[in-house]
Structures are given as C-alpha cells and as structure tokens.
PDB file of all heavy atoms in Angstrom:
ATOM      1  N   VAL A   1       0.863  -1.180   0.000  1.00  0.00           N
ATOM      2  CA  VAL A   1       0.000   0.000   0.000  1.00  0.00           C
ATOM      3  C   VAL A   1       0.901   1.232   0.000  1.00  0.00           C
ATOM      4  O   VAL A   1       2.008   1.207   0.535  1.00  0.00           O
ATOM      5  CB  VAL A   1      -0.952   0.030   1.216  1.00  0.00           C
ATOM      6  CG1 VAL A   1      -1.855  -1.196   1.219  1.00  0.00           C
ATOM      7  CG2 VAL A   1      -0.171   0.124   2.523  1.00  0.00           C
ATOM      8  N   PRO A   2       0.463   2.339  -0.604  1.00  0.00           N
ATOM      9  CA  PRO A   2       1.317   3.531  -0.687  1.00  0.00           C
ATOM     10  C   PRO A   2       1.277   4.372   0.580  1.00  0.00           C
ATOM     11  O   PRO A   2       0.235   4.491   1.244  1.00  0.00           O
ATOM     12  CB  PRO A   2       0.724   4.302  -1.869  1.00  0.00           C
ATOM     13  CG  PRO A   2      -0.723   3.901  -1.880  1.00  0.00           C
ATOM     14  CD  PRO A   2      -0.769   2.476  -1.417  1.00  0.00           C
ATOM     15  N   GLN A   3       2.424   4.953   0.908  1.00  0.00           N
ATOM     16  CA  GLN A   3       2.474   5.975   1.952  1.00  0.00           C
ATOM     17  C   GLN A   3       2.044   7.291   1.320  1.00  0.00           C
ATOM     18  O   GLN A   3       2.370   7.570   0.160  1.00  0.00           O
ATOM     19  CB  GLN A   3       3.895   6.074   2.531  1.00  0.00           C
ATOM     20  CG  GLN A   3       4.053   7.045   3.681  1.00  0.00           C
ATOM     21  CD  GLN A   3       4.285   8.463   3.222  1.00  0.00           C
ATOM     22  OE1 GLN A   3       4.897   8.688   2.177  1.00  0.00           O
ATOM     23  NE2 GLN A   3       3.776   9.429   3.983  1.00  0.00           N
ATOM     24  N   ILE A   4       1.308   8.113   2.047  1.00  0.00           N
ATOM     25  CA  ILE A   4       0.792   9.366   1.486  1.00  0.00           C
ATOM     26  C   ILE A   4       1.097  10.538   2.411  1.00  0.00           C
ATOM     27  O   ILE A   4       1.131  10.403   3.637  1.00  0.00           O
ATOM     28  CB  ILE A   4      -0.728   9.296   1.227  1.00  0.00           C
ATOM     29  CG1 ILE A   4      -1.490   8.921   2.498  1.00  0.00           C
ATOM     30  CG2 ILE A   4      -1.028   8.308   0.099  1.00  0.00           C
ATOM     31  CD1 ILE A   4      -3.003   8.969   2.345  1.00  0.00           C
ATOM     32  N   GLY A   5       1.334  11.691   1.796  1.00  0.00           N
ATOM     33  CA  GLY A   5       1.613  12.899   2.555  1.00  0.00           C
ATOM     34  C   GLY A   5       3.022  12.913   3.118  1.00  0.00           C
ATOM     35  O   GLY A   5       3.788  11.958   2.995  1.00  0.00           O
ATOM     36  N   SER A   6       3.372  14.016   3.745  1.00  0.00           N
ATOM     37  CA  SER A   6       4.707  14.156   4.317  1.00  0.00           C
ATOM     38  C   SER A   6       4.884  13.229   5.512  1.00  0.00           C
ATOM     39  O   SER A   6       4.003  13.134   6.380  1.00  0.00           O
ATOM     40  CB  SER A   6       4.931  15.600   4.774  1.00  0.00           C
ATOM     41  OG  SER A   6       4.904  16.493   3.684  1.00  0.00           O
ATOM     42  N   VAL A   7       6.037  12.545   5.553  1.00  0.00           N
ATOM     43  CA  VAL A   7       6.422  11.815   6.758  1.00  0.00           C
ATOM     44  C   VAL A   7       6.716  12.852   7.834  1.00  0.00           C
ATOM     45  O   VAL A   7       7.517  13.770   7.625  1.00  0.00           O
ATOM     46  CB  VAL A   7       7.659  10.937   6.494  1.00  0.00           C
ATOM     47  CG1 VAL A   7       8.157  10.307   7.790  1.00  0.00           C
ATOM     48  CG2 VAL A   7       7.353   9.863   5.456  1.00  0.00           C
ATOM     49  N   THR A   8       6.071  12.751   8.982  1.00  0.00           N
ATOM     50  CA  THR A   8       6.289  13.724  10.043  1.00  0.00           C
ATOM     51  C   THR A   8       7.281  13.171  11.065  1.00  0.00           C
ATOM     52  O   THR A   8       7.756  12.033  10.934  1.00  0.00           O
ATOM     53  CB  THR A   8       4.963  14.097  10.725  1.00  0.00           C
ATOM     54  OG1 THR A   8       4.499  12.978  11.497  1.00  0.00           O
ATOM     55  CG2 THR A   8       3.909  14.479   9.683  1.00  0.00           C
ATOM     56  N   MET A   9       7.591  13.947  12.073  1.00  0.00           N
ATOM     57  CA  MET A   9       8.594  13.511  13.034  1.00  0.00           C
ATOM     58  C   MET A   9       8.199  12.215  13.732  1.00  0.00           C
ATOM     59  O   MET A   9       9.033  11.331  13.954  1.00  0.00           O
ATOM     60  CB  MET A   9       8.826  14.597  14.091  1.00  0.00           C
ATOM     61  CG  MET A   9       9.887  14.230  15.119  1.00  0.00           C
ATOM     62  SD  MET A   9      10.115  15.484  16.383  1.00  0.00           S
ATOM     63  CE  MET A   9      10.896  16.790  15.438  1.00  0.00           C
ATOM     64  N   ASP A  10       6.915  12.087  14.051  1.00  0.00           N
ATOM     65  CA  ASP A  10       6.474  10.981  14.889  1.00  0.00           C
ATOM     66  C   ASP A  10       5.499  10.028  14.208  1.00  0.00           C
ATOM     67  O   ASP A  10       5.189   8.973  14.770  1.00  0.00           O
ATOM     68  CB  ASP A  10       5.755  11.525  16.138  1.00  0.00           C
ATOM     69  CG  ASP A  10       6.505  12.678  16.769  1.00  0.00           C
ATOM     70  OD1 ASP A  10       7.664  12.477  17.141  1.00  0.00           O
ATOM     71  OD2 ASP A  10       5.925  13.785  16.866  1.00  0.00           O
ATOM     72  N   GLN A  11       4.958  10.399  13.043  1.00  0.00           N
ATOM     73  CA  GLN A  11       3.879   9.610  12.456  1.00  0.00           C
ATOM     74  C   GLN A  11       3.954   9.675  10.933  1.00  0.00           C
ATOM     75  O   GLN A  11       4.541  10.594  10.363  1.00  0.00           O
ATOM     76  CB  GLN A  11       2.519  10.135  12.926  1.00  0.00           C
ATOM     77  CG  GLN A  11       2.342  10.073  14.447  1.00  0.00           C
ATOM     78  CD  GLN A  11       1.044  10.692  14.913  1.00  0.00           C
ATOM     79  OE1 GLN A  11       0.010  10.019  14.919  1.00  0.00           O
ATOM     80  NE2 GLN A  11       1.082  11.952  15.301  1.00  0.00           N
ATOM     81  N   LEU A  12       3.344   8.691  10.298  1.00  0.00           N
ATOM     82  CA  LEU A  12       3.177   8.710   8.849  1.00  0.00           C
ATOM     83  C   LEU A  12       1.856   8.035   8.506  1.00  0.00           C
ATOM     84  O   LEU A  12       1.280   7.300   9.327  1.00  0.00           O
ATOM     85  CB  LEU A  12       4.363   8.049   8.135  1.00  0.00           C
ATOM     86  CG  LEU A  12       4.685   6.579   8.435  1.00  0.00           C
ATOM     87  CD1 LEU A  12       3.826   5.621   7.613  1.00  0.00           C
ATOM     88  CD2 LEU A  12       6.166   6.303   8.167  1.00  0.00           C
ATOM     89  N   MET A  13       1.381   8.280   7.296  1.00  0.00           N
ATOM     90  CA  MET A  13       0.068   7.796   6.889  1.00  0.00           C
ATOM     91  C   MET A  13       0.158   6.911   5.646  1.00  0.00           C
ATOM     92  O   MET A  13       0.997   7.125   4.779  1.00  0.00           O
ATOM     93  CB  MET A  13      -0.867   8.981   6.601  1.00  0.00           C
ATOM     94  CG  MET A  13      -1.436   9.634   7.866  1.00  0.00           C
ATOM     95  SD  MET A  13      -0.183  10.453   8.890  1.00  0.00           S
ATOM     96  CE  MET A  13       0.102  11.970   7.974  1.00  0.00           C
ATOM     97  N   LEU A  14      -0.769   5.940   5.583  1.00  0.00           N
ATOM     98  CA  LEU A  14      -0.865   5.013   4.464  1.00  0.00           C
ATOM     99  C   LEU A  14      -2.258   5.099   3.849  1.00  0.00           C
ATOM    100  O   LEU A  14      -3.252   5.319   4.552  1.00  0.00           O
ATOM    101  CB  LEU A  14      -0.631   3.569   4.928  1.00  0.00           C
ATOM    102  CG  LEU A  14       0.633   3.255   5.718  1.00  0.00           C
ATOM    103  CD1 LEU A  14       0.597   1.802   6.175  1.00  0.00           C
ATOM    104  CD2 LEU A  14       1.878   3.531   4.887  1.00  0.00           C
ATOM    105  N   ASP A  15      -2.319   4.886   2.528  1.00  0.00           N
ATOM    106  CA  ASP A  15      -3.599   4.770   1.834  1.00  0.00           C
ATOM    107  C   ASP A  15      -3.960   3.291   1.755  1.00  0.00           C
ATOM    108  O   ASP A  15      -3.327   2.522   1.028  1.00  0.00           O
ATOM    109  CB  ASP A  15      -3.483   5.375   0.434  1.00  0.00           C
ATOM    110  CG  ASP A  15      -4.779   5.285  -0.368  1.00  0.00           C
ATOM    111  OD1 ASP A  15      -5.732   4.625   0.100  1.00  0.00           O
ATOM    112  OD2 ASP A  15      -4.821   5.854  -1.482  1.00  0.00           O
ATOM    113  N   VAL A  16      -4.983   2.883   2.513  1.00  0.00           N
ATOM    114  CA  VAL A  16      -5.370   1.477   2.547  1.00  0.00           C
ATOM    115  C   VAL A  16      -6.714   1.253   1.842  1.00  0.00           C
ATOM    116  O   VAL A  16      -7.354   0.219   2.029  1.00  0.00           O
ATOM    117  CB  VAL A  16      -5.430   0.961   4.002  1.00  0.00           C
ATOM    118  CG1 VAL A  16      -4.046   0.971   4.620  1.00  0.00           C
ATOM    119  CG2 VAL A  16      -6.407   1.789   4.849  1.00  0.00           C
ATOM    120  N   THR A  17      -7.099   2.215   1.005  1.00  0.00           N
ATOM    121  CA  THR A  17      -8.400   2.139   0.338  1.00  0.00           C
ATOM    122  C   THR A  17      -8.545   0.897  -0.516  1.00  0.00           C
ATOM    123  O   THR A  17      -9.610   0.252  -0.536  1.00  0.00           O
ATOM    124  CB  THR A  17      -8.608   3.383  -0.542  1.00  0.00           C
ATOM    125  OG1 THR A  17      -8.333   4.558   0.219  1.00  0.00           O
ATOM    126  CG2 THR A  17     -10.015   3.447  -1.079  1.00  0.00           C
ATOM    127  N   ASP A  18      -7.499   0.546  -1.234  1.00  0.00           N
ATOM    128  CA  ASP A  18      -7.587  -0.540  -2.216  1.00  0.00           C
ATOM    129  C   ASP A  18      -7.088  -1.873  -1.689  1.00  0.00           C
ATOM    130  O   ASP A  18      -6.817  -2.787  -2.475  1.00  0.00           O
ATOM    131  CB  ASP A  18      -6.789  -0.175  -3.477  1.00  0.00           C
ATOM    132  CG  ASP A  18      -7.403   1.005  -4.210  1.00  0.00           C
ATOM    133  OD1 ASP A  18      -8.637   1.148  -4.165  1.00  0.00           O
ATOM    134  OD2 ASP A  18      -6.632   1.784  -4.814  1.00  0.00           O
ATOM    135  N   LEU A  19      -6.957  -1.992  -0.401  1.00  0.00           N
ATOM    136  CA  LEU A  19      -6.503  -3.259   0.153  1.00  0.00           C
ATOM    137  C   LEU A  19      -7.461  -4.370  -0.271  1.00  0.00           C
ATOM    138  O   LEU A  19      -8.643  -4.347   0.063  1.00  0.00           O
ATOM    139  CB  LEU A  19      -6.459  -3.165   1.680  1.00  0.00           C
ATOM    140  CG  LEU A  19      -5.682  -4.248   2.417  1.00  0.00           C
ATOM    141  CD1 LEU A  19      -4.189  -4.152   2.091  1.00  0.00           C
ATOM    142  CD2 LEU A  19      -5.906  -4.122   3.915  1.00  0.00           C
ATOM    143  N   PRO A  20      -6.985  -5.344  -1.047  1.00  0.00           N
ATOM    144  CA  PRO A  20      -7.910  -6.344  -1.603  1.00  0.00           C
ATOM    145  C   PRO A  20      -8.292  -7.406  -0.585  1.00  0.00           C
ATOM    146  O   PRO A  20      -7.651  -7.566   0.451  1.00  0.00           O
ATOM    147  CB  PRO A  20      -7.108  -6.953  -2.754  1.00  0.00           C
ATOM    148  CG  PRO A  20      -5.684  -6.830  -2.297  1.00  0.00           C
ATOM    149  CD  PRO A  20      -5.615  -5.535  -1.521  1.00  0.00           C
ATOM    150  N   GLY A  21      -9.326  -8.106  -0.912  1.00  0.00           N
ATOM    151  CA  GLY A  21      -9.703  -9.274  -0.119  1.00  0.00           C
ATOM    152  C   GLY A  21     -10.487  -8.943   1.130  1.00  0.00           C
ATOM    153  O   GLY A  21     -11.645  -9.299   1.262  1.00  0.00           O
ATOM    154  N   VAL A  22      -9.848  -8.221   2.052  1.00  0.00           N
ATOM    155  CA  VAL A  22     -10.493  -7.961   3.335  1.00  0.00           C
ATOM    156  C   VAL A  22     -11.268  -6.646   3.333  1.00  0.00           C
ATOM    157  O   VAL A  22     -12.182  -6.462   4.124  1.00  0.00           O
ATOM    158  CB  VAL A  22      -9.452  -7.954   4.468  1.00  0.00           C
ATOM    159  CG1 VAL A  22      -8.819  -9.315   4.613  1.00  0.00           C
ATOM    160  CG2 VAL A  22      -8.378  -6.896   4.212  1.00  0.00           C
ATOM    161  N   GLY A  23     -10.881  -5.703   2.459  1.00  0.00           N
ATOM    162  CA  GLY A  23     -11.547  -4.413   2.437  1.00  0.00           C
ATOM    163  C   GLY A  23     -11.050  -3.524   3.561  1.00  0.00           C
ATOM    164  O   GLY A  23     -10.691  -3.994   4.643  1.00  0.00           O
ATOM    165  N   PRO A  24     -11.002  -2.215   3.339  1.00  0.00           N
ATOM    166  CA  PRO A  24     -10.447  -1.301   4.338  1.00  0.00           C
ATOM    167  C   PRO A  24     -11.220  -1.302   5.641  1.00  0.00           C
ATOM    168  O   PRO A  24     -10.651  -1.094   6.704  1.00  0.00           O
ATOM    169  CB  PRO A  24     -10.507   0.059   3.646  1.00  0.00           C
ATOM    170  CG  PRO A  24     -11.535  -0.079   2.570  1.00  0.00           C
ATOM    171  CD  PRO A  24     -11.449  -1.495   2.126  1.00  0.00           C
ATOM    172  N   SER A  25     -12.522  -1.525   5.590  1.00  0.00           N
ATOM    173  CA  SER A  25     -13.302  -1.472   6.816  1.00  0.00           C
ATOM    174  C   SER A  25     -12.968  -2.607   7.768  1.00  0.00           C
ATOM    175  O   SER A  25     -13.276  -2.561   8.955  1.00  0.00           O
ATOM    176  CB  SER A  25     -14.803  -1.486   6.490  1.00  0.00           C
ATOM    177  OG  SER A  25     -15.137  -2.689   5.816  1.00  0.00           O
ATOM    178  N   ALA A  26     -12.336  -3.674   7.246  1.00  0.00           N
ATOM    179  CA  ALA A  26     -12.003  -4.818   8.085  1.00  0.00           C
ATOM    180  C   ALA A  26     -10.706  -4.624   8.843  1.00  0.00           C
ATOM    181  O   ALA A  26     -10.394  -5.399   9.751  1.00  0.00           O
ATOM    182  CB  ALA A  26     -11.915  -6.084   7.231  1.00  0.00           C
ATOM    183  N   LEU A  27      -9.914  -3.623   8.479  1.00  0.00           N
ATOM    184  CA  LEU A  27      -8.687  -3.353   9.224  1.00  0.00           C
ATOM    185  C   LEU A  27      -9.021  -2.880  10.629  1.00  0.00           C
ATOM    186  O   LEU A  27     -10.062  -2.267  10.872  1.00  0.00           O
ATOM    187  CB  LEU A  27      -7.862  -2.275   8.520  1.00  0.00           C
ATOM    188  CG  LEU A  27      -7.018  -2.693   7.329  1.00  0.00           C
ATOM    189  CD1 LEU A  27      -6.327  -1.475   6.733  1.00  0.00           C
ATOM    190  CD2 LEU A  27      -5.984  -3.737   7.713  1.00  0.00           C
ATOM    191  N   GLU A  28      -8.086  -3.133  11.538  1.00  0.00           N
ATOM    192  CA  GLU A  28      -8.301  -2.722  12.914  1.00  0.00           C
ATOM    193  C   GLU A  28      -7.078  -1.997  13.437  1.00  0.00           C
ATOM    194  O   GLU A  28      -5.937  -2.285  13.040  1.00  0.00           O
ATOM    195  CB  GLU A  28      -8.581  -3.940  13.795  1.00  0.00           C
ATOM    196  CG  GLU A  28      -9.860  -4.679  13.454  1.00  0.00           C
ATOM    197  CD  GLU A  28     -10.098  -5.859  14.370  1.00  0.00           C
ATOM    198  OE1 GLU A  28      -9.247  -6.104  15.253  1.00  0.00           O
ATOM    199  OE2 GLU A  28     -11.131  -6.525  14.206  1.00  0.00           O
ATOM    200  N   VAL A  29      -7.322  -1.052  14.343  1.00  0.00           N
ATOM    201  CA  VAL A  29      -6.224  -0.422  15.060  1.00  0.00           C
ATOM    202  C   VAL A  29      -5.463  -1.512  15.811  1.00  0.00           C
ATOM    203  O   VAL A  29      -6.050  -2.410  16.414  1.00  0.00           O
ATOM    204  CB  VAL A  29      -6.760   0.646  16.037  1.00  0.00           C
ATOM    205  CG1 VAL A  29      -5.660   1.106  16.993  1.00  0.00           C
ATOM    206  CG2 VAL A  29      -7.334   1.817  15.266  1.00  0.00           C
ATOM    207  N   GLY A  30      -4.143  -1.442  15.771  1.00  0.00           N
ATOM    208  CA  GLY A  30      -3.309  -2.437  16.443  1.00  0.00           C
ATOM    209  C   GLY A  30      -2.730  -3.481  15.518  1.00  0.00           C
ATOM    210  O   GLY A  30      -1.840  -4.239  15.925  1.00  0.00           O
ATOM    211  N   GLU A  31      -3.189  -3.549  14.268  1.00  0.00           N
ATOM    212  CA  GLU A  31      -2.617  -4.518  13.327  1.00  0.00           C
ATOM    213  C   GLU A  31      -1.189  -4.111  12.966  1.00  0.00           C
ATOM    214  O   GLU A  31      -0.862  -2.930  12.845  1.00  0.00           O
ATOM    215  CB  GLU A  31      -3.471  -4.621  12.067  1.00  0.00           C
ATOM    216  CG  GLU A  31      -4.795  -5.309  12.286  1.00  0.00           C
ATOM    217  CD  GLU A  31      -5.414  -5.821  11.000  1.00  0.00           C
ATOM    218  OE1 GLU A  31      -4.661  -6.320  10.126  1.00  0.00           O
ATOM    219  OE2 GLU A  31      -6.650  -5.711  10.868  1.00  0.00           O
ATOM    220  N   THR A  32      -0.347  -5.120  12.746  1.00  0.00           N
ATOM    221  CA  THR A  32       1.056  -4.876  12.439  1.00  0.00           C
ATOM    222  C   THR A  32       1.245  -4.598  10.955  1.00  0.00           C
ATOM    223  O   THR A  32       0.682  -5.292  10.096  1.00  0.00           O
ATOM    224  CB  THR A  32       1.909  -6.086  12.853  1.00  0.00           C
ATOM    225  OG1 THR A  32       1.807  -6.267  14.270  1.00  0.00           O
ATOM    226  CG2 THR A  32       3.378  -5.879  12.486  1.00  0.00           C
ATOM    227  N   VAL A  33       2.065  -3.586  10.670  1.00  0.00           N
ATOM    228  CA  VAL A  33       2.418  -3.186   9.309  1.00  0.00           C
ATOM    229  C   VAL A  33       3.929  -3.310   9.156  1.00  0.00           C
ATOM    230  O   VAL A  33       4.687  -2.963  10.064  1.00  0.00           O
ATOM    231  CB  VAL A  33       1.968  -1.736   9.031  1.00  0.00           C
ATOM    232  CG1 VAL A  33       2.473  -1.263   7.670  1.00  0.00           C
ATOM    233  CG2 VAL A  33       0.447  -1.624   9.115  1.00  0.00           C
ATOM    234  N   THR A  34       4.382  -3.806   8.019  1.00  0.00           N
ATOM    235  CA  THR A  34       5.807  -3.951   7.749  1.00  0.00           C
ATOM    236  C   THR A  34       6.272  -2.836   6.821  1.00  0.00           C
ATOM    237  O   THR A  34       5.771  -2.704   5.704  1.00  0.00           O
ATOM    238  CB  THR A  34       6.096  -5.320   7.104  1.00  0.00           C
ATOM    239  OG1 THR A  34       5.756  -6.354   8.039  1.00  0.00           O
ATOM    240  CG2 THR A  34       7.562  -5.446   6.717  1.00  0.00           C
ATOM    241  N   LEU A  35       7.227  -2.047   7.288  1.00  0.00           N
ATOM    242  CA  LEU A  35       7.832  -1.016   6.448  1.00  0.00           C
ATOM    243  C   LEU A  35       9.119  -1.514   5.801  1.00  0.00           C
ATOM    244  O   LEU A  35       9.472  -1.094   4.702  1.00  0.00           O
ATOM    245  CB  LEU A  35       8.102   0.252   7.260  1.00  0.00           C
ATOM    246  CG  LEU A  35       6.828   0.987   7.696  1.00  0.00           C
ATOM    247  CD1 LEU A  35       6.448   0.581   9.112  1.00  0.00           C
ATOM    248  CD2 LEU A  35       7.016   2.490   7.618  1.00  0.00           C
ATOM    249  N   LEU A  36       9.852  -2.368   6.499  1.00  0.00           N
ATOM    250  CA  LEU A  36      11.018  -3.062   5.958  1.00  0.00           C
ATOM    251  C   LEU A  36      10.900  -4.517   6.354  1.00  0.00           C
ATOM    252  O   LEU A  36      10.700  -4.832   7.533  1.00  0.00           O
ATOM    253  CB  LEU A  36      12.320  -2.482   6.515  1.00  0.00           C
ATOM    254  CG  LEU A  36      12.770  -1.115   6.035  1.00  0.00           C
ATOM    255  CD1 LEU A  36      13.972  -0.641   6.855  1.00  0.00           C
ATOM    256  CD2 LEU A  36      13.128  -1.137   4.558  1.00  0.00           C
ATOM    257  N   GLY A  37      11.008  -5.408   5.383  1.00  0.00           N
ATOM    258  CA  GLY A  37      10.927  -6.823   5.690  1.00  0.00           C
ATOM    259  C   GLY A  37      10.033  -7.549   4.709  1.00  0.00           C
ATOM    260  O   GLY A  37       9.630  -7.010   3.670  1.00  0.00           O
ATOM    261  N   ARG A  38       9.715  -8.773   5.053  1.00  0.00           N
ATOM    262  CA  ARG A  38       8.953  -9.647   4.155  1.00  0.00           C
ATOM    263  C   ARG A  38       7.639 -10.056   4.803  1.00  0.00           C
ATOM    264  O   ARG A  38       7.579 -10.334   6.002  1.00  0.00           O
ATOM    265  CB  ARG A  38       9.769 -10.892   3.814  1.00  0.00           C
ATOM    266  CG  ARG A  38       9.021 -11.932   2.967  1.00  0.00           C
ATOM    267  CD  ARG A  38       9.921 -13.077   2.557  1.00  0.00           C
ATOM    268  NE  ARG A  38      10.933 -12.629   1.594  1.00  0.00           N
ATOM    269  CZ  ARG A  38      10.719 -12.505   0.291  1.00  0.00           C
ATOM    270  NH1 ARG A  38       9.527 -12.798  -0.229  1.00  0.00           N
ATOM    271  NH2 ARG A  38      11.687 -12.106  -0.502  1.00  0.00           N
ATOM    272  N   GLU A  39       6.593 -10.073   3.982  1.00  0.00           N
ATOM    273  CA  GLU A  39       5.309 -10.675   4.351  1.00  0.00           C
ATOM    274  C   GLU A  39       4.857 -11.511   3.166  1.00  0.00           C
ATOM    275  O   GLU A  39       4.578 -10.967   2.085  1.00  0.00           O
ATOM    276  CB  GLU A  39       4.257  -9.612   4.671  1.00  0.00           C
ATOM    277  CG  GLU A  39       4.427  -8.926   6.013  1.00  0.00           C
ATOM    278  CD  GLU A  39       3.219  -8.077   6.385  1.00  0.00           C
ATOM    279  OE1 GLU A  39       2.134  -8.302   5.792  1.00  0.00           O
ATOM    280  OE2 GLU A  39       3.352  -7.204   7.249  1.00  0.00           O
ATOM    281  N   GLY A  40       4.796 -12.812   3.344  1.00  0.00           N
ATOM    282  CA  GLY A  40       4.401 -13.690   2.246  1.00  0.00           C
ATOM    283  C   GLY A  40       5.373 -13.589   1.083  1.00  0.00           C
ATOM    284  O   GLY A  40       6.586 -13.724   1.248  1.00  0.00           O
ATOM    285  N   ASP A  41       4.844 -13.319  -0.095  1.00  0.00           N
ATOM    286  CA  ASP A  41       5.683 -13.226  -1.295  1.00  0.00           C
ATOM    287  C   ASP A  41       6.227 -11.821  -1.536  1.00  0.00           C
ATOM    288  O   ASP A  41       6.989 -11.606  -2.490  1.00  0.00           O
ATOM    289  CB  ASP A  41       4.875 -13.661  -2.533  1.00  0.00           C
ATOM    290  CG  ASP A  41       4.485 -15.130  -2.489  1.00  0.00           C
ATOM    291  OD1 ASP A  41       5.231 -15.920  -1.866  1.00  0.00           O
ATOM    292  OD2 ASP A  41       3.448 -15.487  -3.063  1.00  0.00           O
ATOM    293  N   GLU A  42       5.824 -10.868  -0.728  1.00  0.00           N
ATOM    294  CA  GLU A  42       6.236  -9.484  -0.921  1.00  0.00           C
ATOM    295  C   GLU A  42       7.324  -9.095   0.091  1.00  0.00           C
ATOM    296  O   GLU A  42       7.332  -9.579   1.226  1.00  0.00           O
ATOM    297  CB  GLU A  42       5.046  -8.535  -0.760  1.00  0.00           C
ATOM    298  CG  GLU A  42       3.989  -8.668  -1.841  1.00  0.00           C
ATOM    299  CD  GLU A  42       4.428  -8.029  -3.156  1.00  0.00           C
ATOM    300  OE1 GLU A  42       5.503  -7.390  -3.190  1.00  0.00           O
ATOM    301  OE2 GLU A  42       3.683  -8.159  -4.139  1.00  0.00           O
ATOM    302  N   SER A  43       8.215  -8.223  -0.345  1.00  0.00           N
ATOM    303  CA  SER A  43       9.237  -7.722   0.573  1.00  0.00           C
ATOM    304  C   SER A  43       9.585  -6.285   0.204  1.00  0.00           C
ATOM    305  O   SER A  43       9.479  -5.879  -0.955  1.00  0.00           O
ATOM    306  CB  SER A  43      10.493  -8.598   0.535  1.00  0.00           C
ATOM    307  OG  SER A  43      11.146  -8.500  -0.720  1.00  0.00           O
ATOM    308  N   ILE A  44       9.996  -5.542   1.203  1.00  0.00           N
ATOM    309  CA  ILE A  44      10.493  -4.178   1.031  1.00  0.00           C
ATOM    310  C   ILE A  44      11.862  -4.131   1.685  1.00  0.00           C
ATOM    311  O   ILE A  44      12.029  -4.567   2.837  1.00  0.00           O
ATOM    312  CB  ILE A  44       9.544  -3.149   1.665  1.00  0.00           C
ATOM    313  CG1 ILE A  44       8.178  -3.187   0.974  1.00  0.00           C
ATOM    314  CG2 ILE A  44      10.137  -1.744   1.583  1.00  0.00           C
ATOM    315  CD1 ILE A  44       7.130  -2.319   1.643  1.00  0.00           C
ATOM    316  N   THR A  45      12.847  -3.640   0.968  1.00  0.00           N
ATOM    317  CA  THR A  45      14.224  -3.651   1.444  1.00  0.00           C
ATOM    318  C   THR A  45      14.791  -2.247   1.517  1.00  0.00           C
ATOM    319  O   THR A  45      14.225  -1.289   0.985  1.00  0.00           O
ATOM    320  CB  THR A  45      15.109  -4.501   0.519  1.00  0.00           C
ATOM    321  OG1 THR A  45      15.243  -3.818  -0.746  1.00  0.00           O
ATOM    322  CG2 THR A  45      14.511  -5.881   0.288  1.00  0.00           C
ATOM    323  N   LEU A  46      15.954  -2.163   2.140  1.00  0.00           N
ATOM    324  CA  LEU A  46      16.666  -0.888   2.179  1.00  0.00           C
ATOM    325  C   LEU A  46      17.152  -0.480   0.801  1.00  0.00           C
ATOM    326  O   LEU A  46      17.383   0.703   0.546  1.00  0.00           O
ATOM    327  CB  LEU A  46      17.841  -0.975   3.160  1.00  0.00           C
ATOM    328  CG  LEU A  46      17.441  -0.930   4.642  1.00  0.00           C
ATOM    329  CD1 LEU A  46      18.600  -1.382   5.517  1.00  0.00           C
ATOM    330  CD2 LEU A  46      16.987   0.474   5.035  1.00  0.00           C
TER     331      LEU A  46
END
C-alpha cells in the first residue's frame, strides 16, 4: 500500500483504500504493518 503525505517527526500515513480481499473497513487499530521486511511473497528492502 502507498504511503501518502509528508512523513512527520512521529507519524506517517498510508492509503489502505484498495486493500484487496479484506476491504479497508475490516482493518483494525493495532494490526502490524511492515515497512522493511517480508510478508508472504512481498518484501520491502533498504
């Protein structure tokens, strides 16, 4: 999912509108997000 807007000192925002399968309304506060690393077949590296 894309990061949107300026990264601030303490927080950043993601656009989760198009998250497939579960739909954005199914997300919950407290779920873990990976900024660097692997989840399933996808990975983000330095």
